[in-house]
Protein backbone atom coordinates (compact mmCIF):
# COMPACT_ATOMS: atom_id res chain seq x y z
CA MET A 1 90.99 88.45 125.11
CA VAL A 2 94.17 88.90 127.10
CA MET A 3 97.01 90.94 125.56
CA PHE A 4 100.62 91.29 126.61
CA ASP A 5 103.40 93.80 125.94
CA THR A 6 107.07 93.55 127.03
CA LYS A 7 106.12 94.51 130.62
CA GLY A 8 103.22 92.07 131.20
CA SER A 9 99.49 91.72 130.51
CA LEU A 10 97.32 94.64 129.61
CA HIS A 11 94.57 95.44 132.18
CA SER A 12 92.93 98.36 133.84
CA ASP A 13 95.56 98.46 136.60
CA ARG A 14 98.38 99.33 134.23
CA LYS A 15 98.85 102.81 135.47
CA ASP A 16 102.11 103.21 133.51
CA ILE A 17 100.20 102.94 130.24
CA GLU A 18 97.30 105.19 131.55
CA ALA A 19 99.84 107.88 132.49
CA ASP A 20 101.57 107.94 129.08
CA LYS A 21 99.32 109.94 126.77
CA ARG A 22 101.22 108.74 123.68
CA PHE A 23 99.67 105.32 124.14
CA TYR A 24 96.00 106.33 124.56
CA ARG A 25 94.90 103.57 122.11
CA LYS A 26 96.83 101.06 124.20
CA TRP A 27 95.04 102.30 127.32
CA GLU A 28 91.72 101.70 125.51
CA LEU A 29 92.78 98.07 125.14
CA CYS A 30 93.64 97.91 128.87
CA GLU A 31 90.09 99.13 129.62
CA THR A 32 88.27 96.84 127.16
CA THR A 33 90.23 93.50 127.51
CA ASN A 34 91.23 91.09 130.23
CA PRO A 35 88.49 91.93 132.74
CA ASN A 36 89.82 89.26 135.14
CA LYS A 37 93.17 90.94 135.16
CA ILE A 38 95.12 87.70 134.30
CA LYS A 39 98.75 88.46 134.88
CA THR A 40 100.87 85.67 133.27
CA MET A 41 101.09 83.78 130.04
CA GLU A 42 100.66 80.44 131.76
CA GLU A 43 97.31 81.52 133.10
CA ALA A 44 96.23 83.21 129.93
CA MET A 45 96.98 80.18 127.83
CA LYS A 46 94.95 77.73 129.96
CA GLY A 47 91.95 76.75 127.80
CA ALA A 48 92.63 79.38 125.23
CA ASP A 49 91.33 78.72 121.71
CA VAL A 50 93.73 81.02 119.88
CA LEU A 51 97.29 82.32 120.41
CA ILE A 52 98.58 85.18 118.21
CA SER A 53 102.18 86.01 118.99
CA LEU A 54 104.40 88.64 117.44
CA SER A 55 107.11 88.48 119.97
CA THR A 56 110.77 87.61 120.57
CA PRO A 57 112.14 85.13 118.01
CA GLY A 58 112.28 81.72 119.58
CA PRO A 59 112.10 78.78 119.47
CA ASP A 60 111.41 78.85 123.25
CA SER A 61 109.60 82.16 123.66
CA ILE A 62 106.28 80.19 123.71
CA LYS A 63 106.64 77.12 125.94
CA ARG A 64 105.44 73.69 124.97
CA GLU A 65 103.44 73.38 128.20
CA TRP A 66 101.56 76.58 127.47
CA VAL A 67 100.40 75.17 124.20
CA ARG A 68 99.65 71.83 125.84
CA ALA A 69 97.27 73.70 128.26
CA MET A 70 95.19 75.29 125.42
CA ALA A 71 91.70 74.17 124.39
CA PRO A 72 91.27 71.18 121.97
CA LYS A 73 91.87 72.06 118.37
CA SER A 74 93.74 75.26 119.30
CA ILE A 75 95.01 77.68 116.77
CA VAL A 76 98.59 79.00 117.18
CA PHE A 77 100.04 81.86 115.21
CA VAL A 78 103.67 82.41 116.03
CA CYS A 79 104.88 85.08 113.73
CA ALA A 80 108.34 86.16 114.90
CA ASN A 81 110.95 86.09 112.16
CA PRO A 82 113.33 84.52 111.32
CA VAL A 83 112.62 81.99 114.14
CA PRO A 84 109.05 81.42 115.32
CA GLU A 85 108.38 81.53 119.03
CA ILE A 86 107.86 77.79 118.96
CA TYR A 87 108.51 75.53 116.00
CA PRO A 88 105.29 74.19 114.17
CA TYR A 89 106.24 70.62 114.85
CA ALA A 90 106.55 71.20 118.56
CA ALA A 91 103.24 73.11 118.76
CA LYS A 92 101.61 70.28 116.87
CA GLU A 93 103.09 67.67 119.20
CA GLU A 94 101.47 69.57 122.12
CA GLY A 95 98.05 69.51 120.57
CA ALA A 96 97.73 72.60 118.34
CA TYR A 97 95.42 71.85 115.44
CA ILE A 98 96.43 74.78 113.18
CA VAL A 99 99.86 76.47 113.31
CA ALA A 100 100.92 79.51 111.31
CA THR A 101 104.22 81.33 111.18
CA GLY A 102 105.75 84.25 109.31
CA ARG A 103 108.03 81.83 107.39
CA GLY A 104 107.51 80.74 103.79
CA ASP A 105 109.24 77.40 104.34
CA PHE A 106 106.52 76.33 106.78
CA PRO A 107 102.82 75.75 106.05
CA ASN A 108 100.48 78.71 106.63
CA GLN A 109 102.66 81.70 106.17
CA VAL A 110 101.06 84.76 107.77
CA ASN A 111 103.06 87.57 106.38
CA ASN A 112 102.48 91.16 105.16
CA SER A 113 103.61 89.99 101.74
CA ILE A 114 99.98 88.96 100.92
CA GLY A 115 98.65 92.18 102.39
CA PHE A 116 100.70 95.00 100.88
CA PRO A 117 100.13 94.31 97.10
CA GLY A 118 96.37 94.30 97.35
CA ILE A 119 96.08 97.02 99.99
CA LEU A 120 98.42 99.50 98.19
CA LYS A 121 97.03 98.66 94.72
CA GLY A 122 93.49 99.19 95.88
CA ALA A 123 94.45 102.48 97.58
CA LEU A 124 96.34 103.83 94.62
CA MET A 125 93.71 102.91 92.12
CA VAL A 126 91.12 105.19 93.77
CA ARG A 127 93.80 107.70 94.94
CA ALA A 128 92.80 107.15 98.52
CA LYS A 129 93.81 110.03 100.89
CA LYS A 130 94.87 107.49 103.49
CA ILE A 131 94.63 103.83 104.36
CA THR A 132 91.88 103.40 106.95
CA ASP A 133 91.58 100.62 109.47
CA ASN A 134 88.45 99.46 107.53
CA MET A 135 90.53 99.13 104.37
CA ALA A 136 92.99 96.88 106.16
CA ILE A 137 90.17 94.83 107.64
CA ALA A 138 88.60 94.56 104.18
CA ALA A 139 91.84 93.09 102.87
CA ALA A 140 91.85 90.50 105.65
CA HIS A 141 88.31 89.51 104.77
CA SER A 142 89.16 89.35 101.10
CA LEU A 143 92.01 87.00 101.79
CA ALA A 144 89.80 84.84 103.99
CA ASN A 145 87.00 84.71 101.39
CA TYR A 146 89.47 83.78 98.62
CA ALA A 147 91.00 81.03 100.70
CA GLU A 148 87.60 79.63 101.58
CA LYS A 149 86.41 79.55 97.96
CA ARG A 150 89.46 77.77 96.72
CA GLY A 151 89.57 75.41 99.70
CA ILE A 152 91.30 75.24 102.99
CA ASP A 153 92.80 72.60 105.37
CA PRO A 154 94.88 72.75 108.51
CA GLU A 155 98.07 73.00 106.49
CA ASN A 156 96.77 75.64 104.00
CA ILE A 157 94.56 78.26 105.55
CA VAL A 158 95.78 81.38 103.71
CA PRO A 159 96.78 82.31 100.20
CA ASN A 160 100.44 82.77 99.40
CA MET A 161 102.45 84.98 97.14
CA GLU A 162 102.41 82.45 94.32
CA GLU A 163 98.55 82.75 94.06
CA ALA A 164 98.61 85.87 91.97
CA SER A 165 94.81 85.72 91.40
CA VAL A 166 94.14 86.71 94.99
CA PHE A 167 95.61 90.25 94.57
CA PRO A 168 93.13 91.73 92.04
CA GLU A 169 90.32 90.48 94.39
CA GLU A 170 92.00 92.05 97.40
CA ALA A 171 92.76 95.27 95.57
CA ALA A 172 89.13 95.62 94.38
CA ASP A 173 87.77 95.03 97.87
CA VAL A 174 90.12 97.58 99.43
CA ALA A 175 89.22 100.08 96.69
CA MET A 176 85.52 99.64 97.39
CA GLN A 177 86.09 100.15 101.17
CA ALA A 178 88.08 103.28 100.48
CA ILE A 179 85.10 104.64 98.50
CA LYS A 180 82.70 103.61 101.26
CA ASP A 181 84.90 105.36 103.86
CA GLY A 182 84.98 108.56 101.90
CA VAL A 183 88.69 108.68 101.32
CA ALA A 184 88.73 107.94 97.59
CA ARG A 185 89.40 110.70 95.07
CA VAL A 186 88.42 108.43 92.14
CA GLN A 187 85.09 106.63 91.89
CA MET A 188 84.73 103.16 90.14
CA THR A 189 82.70 100.01 90.50
CA ARG A 190 84.12 96.83 91.85
CA GLU A 191 84.13 95.26 88.37
CA GLU A 192 86.17 98.20 87.11
CA ALA A 193 88.59 97.94 89.99
CA PHE A 194 89.01 94.30 89.63
CA ALA A 195 89.65 94.53 85.87
CA LYS A 196 92.20 97.30 86.21
CA ALA A 197 94.06 95.60 89.03
CA LYS A 198 94.13 92.30 87.13
CA ALA A 199 95.43 93.94 83.95
CA ASP A 200 98.10 95.89 85.76
CA ILE A 201 99.28 92.88 87.76
CA ASP A 202 99.25 90.54 84.79
CA TYR A 203 101.26 92.98 82.81
CA SER A 204 103.85 93.46 85.56
CA ARG A 205 104.24 89.68 86.03
CA SER A 206 104.55 89.10 82.23
CA LEU A 207 107.13 91.91 82.01
CA THR A 208 109.21 90.46 84.84
CA LYS A 209 109.07 87.02 83.30
CA SER A 210 110.09 88.37 79.93
CA LEU A 211 113.07 90.22 81.46
CA THR A 212 114.07 87.08 83.35
CA ASP A 213 113.65 84.74 80.35
CA ASN A 214 115.85 87.04 78.17
CA GLY A 215 118.53 87.35 80.77
CA PHE A 216 118.11 91.04 81.69
CA ILE A 217 117.43 90.22 85.33
CA GLN A 218 118.51 87.11 87.24
CA PRO A 219 116.06 85.03 89.25
CA PRO A 220 116.91 84.72 92.96
CA LYS A 221 119.07 81.62 93.58
CA GLN A 222 117.69 79.17 96.19
CA GLU A 223 121.15 78.87 97.82
CA MET A 224 121.32 82.70 98.24
CA LEU A 225 117.93 82.69 99.92
CA GLN A 226 118.97 79.83 102.22
CA ASP A 227 122.26 81.52 103.08
CA ALA A 228 120.32 84.77 104.04
CA LEU A 229 117.95 82.71 106.23
CA ASN A 230 120.79 80.93 107.92
CA TRP A 231 122.51 84.20 108.57
CA ALA A 232 119.32 85.73 110.18
CA ILE A 233 118.83 82.62 112.29
CA LYS A 234 122.41 82.87 113.48
CA GLN A 235 121.90 86.42 114.57
CA VAL A 236 119.13 85.50 117.07
CA SER A 237 120.49 82.20 118.26
């Protein structure tokens, strides 16, 4: 694994990070990754299987030639918003097999919108004292398991916000992890957690639909969403 920040790659010669005690976790990454002390993105991308980028909005932050140099059937996550570091079509043209972005108008949206509902619902149901790393990891595994069960392909690797049935599963898995980690104030079985989460989510969705159907709240208009997206793109272009 080779990681980068705004000043370059992380490795054990990064004395600037070692000296700054605020970033002790970052220094741990310097010590445990990139043993060959690779310095540049060009070098790091050669033969790489996976790229995960949360960087400067593109579309040229990640170069085509870097993707071209990756391993066969490479996986490219370019999650900058509102413009990914390289557009999916360009990454595909250079050989990427799976491409994900943070955008909902491209396939494979990798976004915290599918994490927050389940994580927060699971934590609140058991009145967790905090959200542990293990709880966040449990949410990731829950999303992956759900996607695998319902079927995946290169253009559809992760659930989206419209798949409401994923959130009770995620909430239940997070709740169970909170109990396992000893941060839960309320004990329950997974079946109880799933049933409660599903009932609460179904109620909220039906209430919102009823309010919309009866004209008490207006659904978002597609042209308003597109205008907002166009404005955001203009700001970074």
